[in-house]
Amino acid sequence: MQIFLRPNHPDSFAGDRSFLYGRRAANQRIEAWWGTLRKQSAQFWMNLFKTFQDDGHFTGDFLDKSLIQFCFLNLVQDELDEVVNTWNSHKIRPRSSDEAASGRPFVMYSFPELHSAEDRLKPIDMEEVTLCMEECTPKGRFLCDETVFELCCLLMEEKGWDAPADPLDSADLYIMLREEIQNIL
């Protein structure tokens, strides 16, 4: 995407030079980010969904995917937002071994001049932005397929089931909804 959005800028980081492929060892900061994401959030969800699969509660079909979205999407998004906020607020310590900037990522991005850095924000053609937006699926009104969403809401109302407040409640709701819908089919 970076290459696509910067094909003709006149600086030394334009076009093919706007993205580097390299060894993982050379990407310590992004690797640290992925490690943080996995430790603080993703591994829990990966383990939970793997348990559903191992226990026969998830086959990967349309219904199961929609039910996972219905029951877990908001919780997962809240956790991802929290991890991003934590990462963007953490302190990058100065290192004497290189000239990398130090500080908090959010402040460094918002105020590069405080770190003797150059703001490298470049204008983008609206046509390119429109093309990118056409390739994305924005989060809609429904967490999953609309029909499954409405059926889940109806079943929850009929059964007196509350909206889940945590992962364990969501897991229980997923299993109950799956069972009810499979009995209907």
N, C-alpha and C. Protein backbone atom coordinates (compact mmCIF):
# COMPACT_ATOMS: atom_id res chain seq x y z
N MET A 1 0.84 -1.19 0.00
CA MET A 1 0.00 0.00 0.00
C MET A 1 0.88 1.25 0.00
N GLN A 2 1.96 1.19 0.78
CA GLN A 2 2.85 2.35 0.84
C GLN A 2 3.40 2.67 -0.55
N ILE A 3 3.81 1.64 -1.27
CA ILE A 3 4.34 1.84 -2.62
C ILE A 3 3.26 2.41 -3.54
N PHE A 4 2.04 1.89 -3.41
CA PHE A 4 0.93 2.35 -4.24
C PHE A 4 0.62 3.82 -3.99
N LEU A 5 0.64 4.25 -2.73
CA LEU A 5 0.26 5.62 -2.39
C LEU A 5 1.38 6.64 -2.66
N ARG A 6 2.60 6.18 -2.87
CA ARG A 6 3.71 7.12 -3.05
C ARG A 6 4.47 6.88 -4.34
N PRO A 7 3.80 6.75 -5.48
CA PRO A 7 4.52 6.42 -6.70
C PRO A 7 5.35 7.57 -7.27
N ASN A 8 4.91 8.81 -7.09
CA ASN A 8 5.52 9.93 -7.80
C ASN A 8 6.02 11.07 -6.90
N HIS A 9 6.14 10.84 -5.61
CA HIS A 9 6.65 11.91 -4.76
C HIS A 9 8.12 12.16 -5.08
N PRO A 10 8.56 13.41 -4.95
CA PRO A 10 9.93 13.76 -5.37
C PRO A 10 11.02 13.47 -4.33
N ASP A 11 10.70 12.83 -3.22
CA ASP A 11 11.71 12.59 -2.20
C ASP A 11 12.39 11.22 -2.39
N SER A 12 13.39 10.97 -1.58
CA SER A 12 14.20 9.75 -1.73
C SER A 12 13.51 8.50 -1.18
N PHE A 13 12.33 8.67 -0.61
CA PHE A 13 11.59 7.52 -0.09
C PHE A 13 10.33 7.22 -0.90
N ALA A 14 10.26 7.68 -2.11
CA ALA A 14 9.07 7.52 -2.95
C ALA A 14 9.08 6.18 -3.69
N GLY A 15 7.91 5.81 -4.16
CA GLY A 15 7.76 4.62 -5.01
C GLY A 15 8.28 3.36 -4.35
N ASP A 16 9.08 2.60 -5.07
CA ASP A 16 9.61 1.33 -4.56
C ASP A 16 10.49 1.51 -3.33
N ARG A 17 11.02 2.71 -3.14
CA ARG A 17 11.87 2.96 -1.97
C ARG A 17 11.07 3.29 -0.71
N SER A 18 9.75 3.31 -0.80
CA SER A 18 8.93 3.65 0.37
C SER A 18 8.65 2.44 1.26
N PHE A 19 9.12 1.29 0.84
CA PHE A 19 8.94 0.08 1.63
C PHE A 19 10.17 -0.79 1.47
N LEU A 20 10.67 -1.32 2.56
CA LEU A 20 11.86 -2.17 2.51
C LEU A 20 11.50 -3.59 2.89
N TYR A 21 11.97 -4.52 2.10
CA TYR A 21 11.90 -5.92 2.49
C TYR A 21 13.23 -6.23 3.15
N GLY A 22 13.19 -6.94 4.24
CA GLY A 22 14.45 -7.25 4.90
C GLY A 22 14.31 -8.39 5.88
N ARG A 23 15.42 -8.76 6.46
CA ARG A 23 15.44 -9.82 7.46
C ARG A 23 14.67 -9.39 8.70
N ARG A 24 14.11 -10.35 9.37
CA ARG A 24 13.37 -10.05 10.60
C ARG A 24 14.27 -9.37 11.62
N ALA A 25 15.53 -9.77 11.68
CA ALA A 25 16.46 -9.19 12.66
C ALA A 25 16.62 -7.69 12.46
N ALA A 26 16.42 -7.23 11.23
CA ALA A 26 16.56 -5.80 10.93
C ALA A 26 15.29 -5.01 11.26
N ASN A 27 14.26 -5.69 11.66
CA ASN A 27 12.97 -5.05 11.94
C ASN A 27 12.62 -5.17 13.42
N GLN A 28 13.52 -4.81 14.29
CA GLN A 28 13.33 -5.04 15.71
C GLN A 28 12.10 -4.35 16.28
N ARG A 29 11.83 -3.15 15.84
CA ARG A 29 10.69 -2.43 16.42
C ARG A 29 9.37 -3.06 16.04
N ILE A 30 9.21 -3.44 14.76
CA ILE A 30 7.94 -4.05 14.35
C ILE A 30 7.83 -5.43 14.96
N GLU A 31 8.94 -6.14 15.09
CA GLU A 31 8.90 -7.45 15.73
C GLU A 31 8.52 -7.30 17.20
N ALA A 32 9.00 -6.26 17.84
CA ALA A 32 8.61 -5.99 19.23
C ALA A 32 7.11 -5.72 19.32
N TRP A 33 6.59 -4.99 18.33
CA TRP A 33 5.15 -4.70 18.30
C TRP A 33 4.35 -5.99 18.18
N TRP A 34 4.74 -6.88 17.25
CA TRP A 34 4.01 -8.13 17.07
C TRP A 34 4.10 -8.98 18.34
N GLY A 35 5.26 -8.98 18.98
CA GLY A 35 5.40 -9.72 20.24
C GLY A 35 4.48 -9.17 21.33
N THR A 36 4.40 -7.85 21.41
CA THR A 36 3.52 -7.21 22.39
C THR A 36 2.06 -7.54 22.11
N LEU A 37 1.67 -7.44 20.85
CA LEU A 37 0.29 -7.76 20.48
C LEU A 37 -0.05 -9.19 20.86
N ARG A 38 0.84 -10.10 20.54
CA ARG A 38 0.57 -11.51 20.82
C ARG A 38 0.48 -11.77 22.32
N LYS A 39 1.43 -11.22 23.09
CA LYS A 39 1.44 -11.44 24.54
C LYS A 39 0.25 -10.79 25.24
N GLN A 40 -0.07 -9.57 24.86
CA GLN A 40 -1.10 -8.83 25.57
C GLN A 40 -2.51 -9.16 25.13
N SER A 41 -2.69 -9.78 23.96
CA SER A 41 -4.04 -9.96 23.49
C SER A 41 -4.24 -11.18 22.60
N ALA A 42 -3.54 -11.22 21.51
CA ALA A 42 -3.86 -12.19 20.45
C ALA A 42 -3.73 -13.64 20.87
N GLN A 43 -2.73 -13.97 21.68
CA GLN A 43 -2.53 -15.37 22.06
C GLN A 43 -3.73 -15.93 22.81
N PHE A 44 -4.33 -15.12 23.67
CA PHE A 44 -5.52 -15.56 24.40
C PHE A 44 -6.63 -15.95 23.43
N TRP A 45 -6.89 -15.08 22.45
CA TRP A 45 -7.96 -15.35 21.49
C TRP A 45 -7.62 -16.54 20.60
N MET A 46 -6.36 -16.64 20.20
CA MET A 46 -5.95 -17.78 19.39
C MET A 46 -6.19 -19.09 20.14
N ASN A 47 -5.83 -19.11 21.41
CA ASN A 47 -6.02 -20.31 22.23
C ASN A 47 -7.51 -20.62 22.41
N LEU A 48 -8.31 -19.60 22.67
CA LEU A 48 -9.75 -19.81 22.87
C LEU A 48 -10.39 -20.38 21.61
N PHE A 49 -10.11 -19.78 20.47
CA PHE A 49 -10.73 -20.25 19.22
C PHE A 49 -10.21 -21.63 18.82
N LYS A 50 -8.95 -21.93 19.14
CA LYS A 50 -8.40 -23.26 18.88
C LYS A 50 -9.11 -24.29 19.76
N THR A 51 -9.42 -23.92 21.00
CA THR A 51 -10.15 -24.82 21.89
C THR A 51 -11.54 -25.12 21.33
N PHE A 52 -12.23 -24.10 20.81
CA PHE A 52 -13.53 -24.34 20.17
C PHE A 52 -13.37 -25.38 19.05
N GLN A 53 -12.35 -25.20 18.25
CA GLN A 53 -12.12 -26.12 17.12
C GLN A 53 -11.82 -27.53 17.63
N ASP A 54 -10.93 -27.63 18.61
CA ASP A 54 -10.54 -28.93 19.15
C ASP A 54 -11.72 -29.65 19.80
N ASP A 55 -12.62 -28.88 20.41
CA ASP A 55 -13.78 -29.46 21.10
C ASP A 55 -14.97 -29.69 20.17
N GLY A 56 -14.81 -29.39 18.88
CA GLY A 56 -15.88 -29.62 17.92
C GLY A 56 -16.93 -28.52 17.88
N HIS A 57 -16.60 -27.35 18.45
CA HIS A 57 -17.56 -26.23 18.46
C HIS A 57 -17.30 -25.23 17.34
N PHE A 58 -16.32 -25.51 16.49
CA PHE A 58 -16.03 -24.61 15.37
C PHE A 58 -15.52 -25.42 14.20
N THR A 59 -16.21 -25.29 13.06
CA THR A 59 -15.80 -25.99 11.85
C THR A 59 -15.26 -25.05 10.78
N GLY A 60 -15.46 -23.76 10.98
CA GLY A 60 -15.02 -22.79 9.98
C GLY A 60 -16.07 -22.48 8.94
N ASP A 61 -17.28 -23.03 9.12
CA ASP A 61 -18.33 -22.75 8.13
C ASP A 61 -18.90 -21.34 8.34
N PHE A 62 -19.77 -20.96 7.45
CA PHE A 62 -20.35 -19.61 7.45
C PHE A 62 -20.99 -19.27 8.80
N LEU A 63 -21.78 -20.19 9.33
CA LEU A 63 -22.47 -19.94 10.60
C LEU A 63 -21.48 -19.74 11.73
N ASP A 64 -20.50 -20.65 11.84
CA ASP A 64 -19.53 -20.53 12.93
C ASP A 64 -18.75 -19.22 12.86
N LYS A 65 -18.32 -18.84 11.66
CA LYS A 65 -17.60 -17.57 11.52
C LYS A 65 -18.47 -16.39 11.91
N SER A 66 -19.73 -16.42 11.49
CA SER A 66 -20.65 -15.32 11.82
C SER A 66 -20.91 -15.27 13.32
N LEU A 67 -21.04 -16.42 13.95
CA LEU A 67 -21.27 -16.45 15.41
C LEU A 67 -20.05 -15.96 16.17
N ILE A 68 -18.85 -16.31 15.70
CA ILE A 68 -17.63 -15.79 16.33
C ILE A 68 -17.63 -14.27 16.24
N GLN A 69 -17.95 -13.75 15.07
CA GLN A 69 -18.00 -12.29 14.89
C GLN A 69 -19.04 -11.68 15.82
N PHE A 70 -20.23 -12.26 15.86
CA PHE A 70 -21.31 -11.72 16.68
C PHE A 70 -20.92 -11.69 18.16
N CYS A 71 -20.34 -12.78 18.64
CA CYS A 71 -20.07 -12.92 20.07
C CYS A 71 -18.78 -12.25 20.54
N PHE A 72 -17.79 -12.14 19.64
CA PHE A 72 -16.46 -11.73 20.09
C PHE A 72 -15.92 -10.46 19.47
N LEU A 73 -16.46 -10.00 18.36
CA LEU A 73 -15.83 -8.92 17.62
C LEU A 73 -15.64 -7.65 18.45
N ASN A 74 -16.64 -7.25 19.20
CA ASN A 74 -16.49 -6.03 20.00
C ASN A 74 -15.44 -6.18 21.10
N LEU A 75 -15.40 -7.35 21.74
CA LEU A 75 -14.39 -7.58 22.78
C LEU A 75 -12.98 -7.58 22.20
N VAL A 76 -12.80 -8.26 21.07
CA VAL A 76 -11.49 -8.30 20.43
C VAL A 76 -11.08 -6.89 20.01
N GLN A 77 -12.00 -6.13 19.42
CA GLN A 77 -11.67 -4.77 18.99
C GLN A 77 -11.29 -3.90 20.18
N ASP A 78 -12.03 -4.02 21.30
CA ASP A 78 -11.69 -3.24 22.49
C ASP A 78 -10.27 -3.58 22.97
N GLU A 79 -9.93 -4.86 22.96
CA GLU A 79 -8.58 -5.25 23.38
C GLU A 79 -7.52 -4.73 22.43
N LEU A 80 -7.79 -4.82 21.12
CA LEU A 80 -6.82 -4.31 20.15
C LEU A 80 -6.61 -2.81 20.33
N ASP A 81 -7.70 -2.08 20.57
CA ASP A 81 -7.58 -0.64 20.80
C ASP A 81 -6.73 -0.36 22.04
N GLU A 82 -6.90 -1.18 23.07
CA GLU A 82 -6.13 -1.01 24.31
C GLU A 82 -4.65 -1.29 24.08
N VAL A 83 -4.34 -2.34 23.33
CA VAL A 83 -2.95 -2.67 23.02
C VAL A 83 -2.31 -1.55 22.20
N VAL A 84 -3.02 -1.04 21.20
CA VAL A 84 -2.50 0.06 20.39
C VAL A 84 -2.24 1.28 21.26
N ASN A 85 -3.17 1.61 22.14
CA ASN A 85 -2.98 2.76 23.03
C ASN A 85 -1.77 2.56 23.93
N THR A 86 -1.62 1.36 24.48
CA THR A 86 -0.47 1.06 25.33
C THR A 86 0.84 1.20 24.55
N TRP A 87 0.86 0.64 23.33
CA TRP A 87 2.07 0.72 22.51
C TRP A 87 2.40 2.17 22.15
N ASN A 88 1.40 2.91 21.73
CA ASN A 88 1.65 4.29 21.31
C ASN A 88 2.01 5.21 22.46
N SER A 89 1.76 4.77 23.68
CA SER A 89 2.07 5.57 24.87
C SER A 89 3.36 5.14 25.56
N HIS A 90 3.92 3.99 25.16
CA HIS A 90 5.12 3.51 25.84
C HIS A 90 6.33 4.38 25.51
N LYS A 91 7.33 4.29 26.34
CA LYS A 91 8.54 5.11 26.19
C LYS A 91 9.60 4.32 25.44
N ILE A 92 10.08 4.87 24.34
CA ILE A 92 11.22 4.31 23.62
C ILE A 92 12.46 4.96 24.21
N ARG A 93 13.29 4.14 24.82
CA ARG A 93 14.49 4.66 25.48
C ARG A 93 15.55 5.07 24.45
N PRO A 94 16.30 6.09 24.78
CA PRO A 94 17.41 6.46 23.88
C PRO A 94 18.49 5.38 23.91
N ARG A 95 19.12 5.18 22.76
CA ARG A 95 20.21 4.20 22.66
C ARG A 95 21.44 4.91 22.14
N SER A 96 22.54 4.64 22.75
CA SER A 96 23.79 5.29 22.32
C SER A 96 24.35 4.63 21.06
N SER A 97 23.87 3.44 20.75
CA SER A 97 24.43 2.70 19.61
C SER A 97 23.94 3.18 18.25
N ASP A 98 22.87 3.94 18.22
CA ASP A 98 22.39 4.45 16.93
C ASP A 98 21.73 5.82 17.11
N GLU A 99 21.26 6.35 16.02
CA GLU A 99 20.67 7.68 16.07
C GLU A 99 19.15 7.64 16.07
N ALA A 100 18.58 6.51 16.43
CA ALA A 100 17.13 6.39 16.45
C ALA A 100 16.53 7.33 17.48
N ALA A 101 15.38 7.87 17.14
CA ALA A 101 14.70 8.79 18.06
C ALA A 101 14.17 8.04 19.27
N SER A 102 13.98 8.76 20.34
CA SER A 102 13.41 8.18 21.56
C SER A 102 12.24 9.06 21.98
N GLY A 103 11.38 8.49 22.81
CA GLY A 103 10.20 9.19 23.28
C GLY A 103 8.98 8.29 23.19
N ARG A 104 7.82 8.87 23.21
CA ARG A 104 6.57 8.10 23.09
C ARG A 104 6.09 8.17 21.64
N PRO A 105 5.76 7.00 21.03
CA PRO A 105 5.39 6.98 19.62
C PRO A 105 4.31 8.00 19.23
N PHE A 106 3.28 8.14 20.05
CA PHE A 106 2.21 9.08 19.71
C PHE A 106 2.73 10.51 19.63
N VAL A 107 3.54 10.90 20.60
CA VAL A 107 4.10 12.25 20.62
C VAL A 107 5.09 12.42 19.48
N MET A 108 5.91 11.40 19.22
CA MET A 108 6.90 11.47 18.15
C MET A 108 6.21 11.64 16.79
N TYR A 109 5.09 10.96 16.60
CA TYR A 109 4.35 11.07 15.34
C TYR A 109 3.68 12.43 15.22
N SER A 110 3.04 12.86 16.31
CA SER A 110 2.26 14.10 16.28
C SER A 110 3.12 15.36 16.25
N PHE A 111 4.28 15.29 16.89
CA PHE A 111 5.15 16.46 16.99
C PHE A 111 6.60 16.09 16.65
N PRO A 112 6.87 15.76 15.39
CA PRO A 112 8.24 15.34 15.03
C PRO A 112 9.29 16.41 15.31
N GLU A 113 8.89 17.66 15.26
CA GLU A 113 9.85 18.73 15.48
C GLU A 113 10.43 18.71 16.90
N LEU A 114 9.71 18.11 17.86
CA LEU A 114 10.23 18.02 19.23
C LEU A 114 11.40 17.05 19.32
N HIS A 115 11.53 16.21 18.32
CA HIS A 115 12.57 15.18 18.32
C HIS A 115 13.58 15.41 17.20
N SER A 116 13.66 16.65 16.74
CA SER A 116 14.56 17.01 15.64
C SER A 116 14.36 16.09 14.44
N ALA A 117 13.11 15.72 14.21
CA ALA A 117 12.77 14.84 13.09
C ALA A 117 12.00 15.63 12.05
N GLU A 118 11.97 15.08 10.87
CA GLU A 118 11.26 15.72 9.77
C GLU A 118 9.87 15.10 9.64
N ASP A 119 8.87 15.92 9.47
CA ASP A 119 7.52 15.42 9.20
C ASP A 119 7.50 14.93 7.77
N ARG A 120 7.34 13.64 7.58
CA ARG A 120 7.39 13.06 6.24
C ARG A 120 5.99 12.81 5.66
N LEU A 121 5.00 13.44 6.23
CA LEU A 121 3.65 13.32 5.70
C LEU A 121 3.61 13.90 4.29
N LYS A 122 3.03 13.15 3.37
CA LYS A 122 2.98 13.57 1.97
C LYS A 122 1.53 13.60 1.51
N PRO A 123 1.20 14.52 0.60
CA PRO A 123 -0.18 14.57 0.08
C PRO A 123 -0.45 13.34 -0.80
N ILE A 124 -1.69 12.88 -0.75
CA ILE A 124 -2.11 11.72 -1.54
C ILE A 124 -3.29 12.15 -2.42
N ASP A 125 -3.31 11.67 -3.66
CA ASP A 125 -4.42 11.97 -4.56
C ASP A 125 -5.69 11.29 -4.04
N MET A 126 -6.80 12.00 -4.09
CA MET A 126 -8.07 11.44 -3.62
C MET A 126 -8.47 10.21 -4.44
N GLU A 127 -8.08 10.16 -5.70
CA GLU A 127 -8.38 8.97 -6.52
C GLU A 127 -7.75 7.73 -5.91
N GLU A 128 -6.52 7.87 -5.41
CA GLU A 128 -5.83 6.74 -4.79
C GLU A 128 -6.50 6.35 -3.48
N VAL A 129 -6.92 7.33 -2.72
CA VAL A 129 -7.62 7.05 -1.47
C VAL A 129 -8.94 6.33 -1.76
N THR A 130 -9.65 6.79 -2.77
CA THR A 130 -10.92 6.16 -3.16
C THR A 130 -10.70 4.71 -3.58
N LEU A 131 -9.65 4.46 -4.36
CA LEU A 131 -9.34 3.09 -4.76
C LEU A 131 -9.06 2.20 -3.55
N CYS A 132 -8.32 2.71 -2.59
CA CYS A 132 -8.03 1.95 -1.37
C CYS A 132 -9.32 1.68 -0.59
N MET A 133 -10.18 2.68 -0.49
CA MET A 133 -11.43 2.51 0.25
C MET A 133 -12.33 1.47 -0.42
N GLU A 134 -12.29 1.40 -1.73
CA GLU A 134 -13.09 0.41 -2.45
C GLU A 134 -12.62 -1.01 -2.16
N GLU A 135 -11.35 -1.15 -1.80
CA GLU A 135 -10.79 -2.47 -1.51
C GLU A 135 -10.99 -2.87 -0.05
N CYS A 136 -11.46 -1.95 0.77
CA CYS A 136 -11.66 -2.22 2.20
C CYS A 136 -13.13 -2.47 2.50
N THR A 137 -13.36 -3.24 3.54
CA THR A 137 -14.71 -3.46 4.01
C THR A 137 -14.83 -2.77 5.36
N PRO A 138 -15.45 -1.60 5.40
CA PRO A 138 -15.55 -0.90 6.68
C PRO A 138 -16.48 -1.65 7.64
N LYS A 139 -16.23 -1.45 8.92
CA LYS A 139 -17.09 -2.06 9.93
C LYS A 139 -18.48 -1.46 9.75
N GLY A 140 -19.43 -2.32 9.53
CA GLY A 140 -20.79 -1.88 9.28
C GLY A 140 -21.65 -1.85 10.54
N ARG A 141 -22.91 -1.72 10.32
CA ARG A 141 -23.87 -1.66 11.42
C ARG A 141 -23.97 -3.00 12.15
N PHE A 142 -23.72 -4.08 11.42
CA PHE A 142 -23.85 -5.42 11.98
C PHE A 142 -22.47 -6.02 12.19
N LEU A 143 -22.31 -6.76 13.27
CA LEU A 143 -21.03 -7.37 13.59
C LEU A 143 -20.72 -8.55 12.68
N CYS A 144 -21.75 -9.10 12.07
CA CYS A 144 -21.60 -10.29 11.21
C CYS A 144 -22.66 -10.21 10.12
N ASP A 145 -22.90 -11.31 9.45
CA ASP A 145 -23.96 -11.36 8.45
C ASP A 145 -25.26 -10.84 9.07
N GLU A 146 -25.98 -10.01 8.33
CA GLU A 146 -27.17 -9.35 8.88
C GLU A 146 -28.23 -10.36 9.32
N THR A 147 -28.47 -11.41 8.55
CA THR A 147 -29.49 -12.40 8.91
C THR A 147 -29.09 -13.13 10.19
N VAL A 148 -27.82 -13.53 10.28
CA VAL A 148 -27.35 -14.21 11.49
C VAL A 148 -27.42 -13.26 12.68
N PHE A 149 -27.05 -12.01 12.46
CA PHE A 149 -27.12 -11.01 13.53
C PHE A 149 -28.54 -10.90 14.08
N GLU A 150 -29.50 -10.74 13.18
CA GLU A 150 -30.90 -10.60 13.60
C GLU A 150 -31.41 -11.85 14.29
N LEU A 151 -31.03 -13.02 13.79
CA LEU A 151 -31.43 -14.28 14.42
C LEU A 151 -30.84 -14.39 15.83
N CYS A 152 -29.58 -14.03 15.98
CA CYS A 152 -28.93 -14.07 17.30
C CYS A 152 -29.62 -13.12 18.27
N CYS A 153 -29.92 -11.92 17.83
CA CYS A 153 -30.61 -10.95 18.69
C CYS A 153 -31.98 -11.48 19.11
N LEU A 154 -32.70 -12.07 18.16
CA LEU A 154 -34.02 -12.65 18.43
C LEU A 154 -33.91 -13.78 19.45
N LEU A 155 -32.98 -14.69 19.26
CA LEU A 155 -32.80 -15.80 20.20
C LEU A 155 -32.40 -15.31 21.59
N MET A 156 -31.52 -14.33 21.64
CA MET A 156 -31.11 -13.78 22.93
C MET A 156 -32.29 -13.17 23.66
N GLU A 157 -33.15 -12.47 22.93
CA GLU A 157 -34.33 -11.87 23.54
C GLU A 157 -35.29 -12.95 24.02
N GLU A 158 -35.56 -13.94 23.17
CA GLU A 158 -36.47 -15.03 23.53
C GLU A 158 -35.99 -15.81 24.74
N LYS A 159 -34.70 -16.06 24.83
CA LYS A 159 -34.13 -16.89 25.90
C LYS A 159 -33.75 -16.07 27.13
N GLY A 160 -33.80 -14.74 27.01
CA GLY A 160 -33.42 -13.90 28.14
C GLY A 160 -31.92 -13.87 28.39
N TRP A 161 -31.15 -14.09 27.32
CA TRP A 161 -29.69 -14.07 27.45
C TRP A 161 -29.17 -12.65 27.32
N ASP A 162 -28.26 -12.27 28.20
CA ASP A 162 -27.67 -10.93 28.18
C ASP A 162 -26.51 -10.86 27.20
N ALA A 163 -26.22 -9.66 26.78
CA ALA A 163 -25.04 -9.44 25.94
C ALA A 163 -23.81 -9.77 26.78
N PRO A 164 -22.81 -10.41 26.18
CA PRO A 164 -21.62 -10.81 26.94
C PRO A 164 -20.80 -9.61 27.40
N ALA A 165 -20.25 -9.74 28.61
CA ALA A 165 -19.44 -8.66 29.17
C ALA A 165 -17.96 -9.01 29.19
N ASP A 166 -17.64 -10.29 29.00
CA ASP A 166 -16.25 -10.73 29.03
C ASP A 166 -16.10 -11.97 28.15
N PRO A 167 -14.87 -12.41 27.94
CA PRO A 167 -14.65 -13.56 27.05
C PRO A 167 -15.37 -14.84 27.47
N LEU A 168 -15.46 -15.10 28.75
CA LEU A 168 -16.14 -16.32 29.19
C LEU A 168 -17.63 -16.25 28.91
N ASP A 169 -18.25 -15.11 29.14
CA ASP A 169 -19.66 -14.92 28.79
C ASP A 169 -19.85 -15.08 27.28
N SER A 170 -18.91 -14.54 26.52
CA SER A 170 -19.00 -14.64 25.06
C SER A 170 -18.88 -16.08 24.60
N ALA A 171 -17.99 -16.84 25.23
CA ALA A 171 -17.82 -18.25 24.88
C ALA A 171 -19.11 -19.02 25.16
N ASP A 172 -19.71 -18.76 26.32
CA ASP A 172 -20.98 -19.43 26.66
C ASP A 172 -22.06 -19.06 25.65
N LEU A 173 -22.15 -17.78 25.32
CA LEU A 173 -23.17 -17.32 24.38
C LEU A 173 -22.94 -17.97 23.01
N TYR A 174 -21.70 -18.02 22.56
CA TYR A 174 -21.37 -18.64 21.27
C TYR A 174 -21.88 -20.07 21.22
N ILE A 175 -21.56 -20.84 22.25
CA ILE A 175 -21.95 -22.26 22.27
C ILE A 175 -23.48 -22.40 22.32
N MET A 176 -24.13 -21.57 23.13
CA MET A 176 -25.60 -21.65 23.23
C MET A 176 -26.27 -21.25 21.92
N LEU A 177 -25.82 -20.16 21.30
CA LEU A 177 -26.40 -19.72 20.04
C LEU A 177 -26.16 -20.75 18.95
N ARG A 178 -24.96 -21.29 18.91
CA ARG A 178 -24.63 -22.31 17.89
C ARG A 178 -25.55 -23.51 18.01
N GLU A 179 -25.73 -23.96 19.24
CA GLU A 179 -26.60 -25.12 19.48
C GLU A 179 -28.04 -24.83 19.08
N GLU A 180 -28.54 -23.67 19.47
CA GLU A 180 -29.92 -23.30 19.14
C GLU A 180 -30.13 -23.20 17.64
N ILE A 181 -29.21 -22.55 16.95
CA ILE A 181 -29.36 -22.36 15.51
C ILE A 181 -29.21 -23.69 14.78
N GLN A 182 -28.29 -24.53 15.22
CA GLN A 182 -28.15 -25.85 14.59
C GLN A 182 -29.41 -26.70 14.80
N ASN A 183 -30.08 -26.53 15.93
CA ASN A 183 -31.35 -27.26 16.17
C ASN A 183 -32.46 -26.76 15.25
N ILE A 184 -32.41 -25.47 14.92
CA ILE A 184 -33.41 -24.91 14.01
C ILE A 184 -33.19 -25.42 12.59
N LEU A 185 -31.92 -25.54 12.19
CA LEU A 185 -31.59 -25.98 10.85
C LEU A 185 -31.83 -27.46 10.78
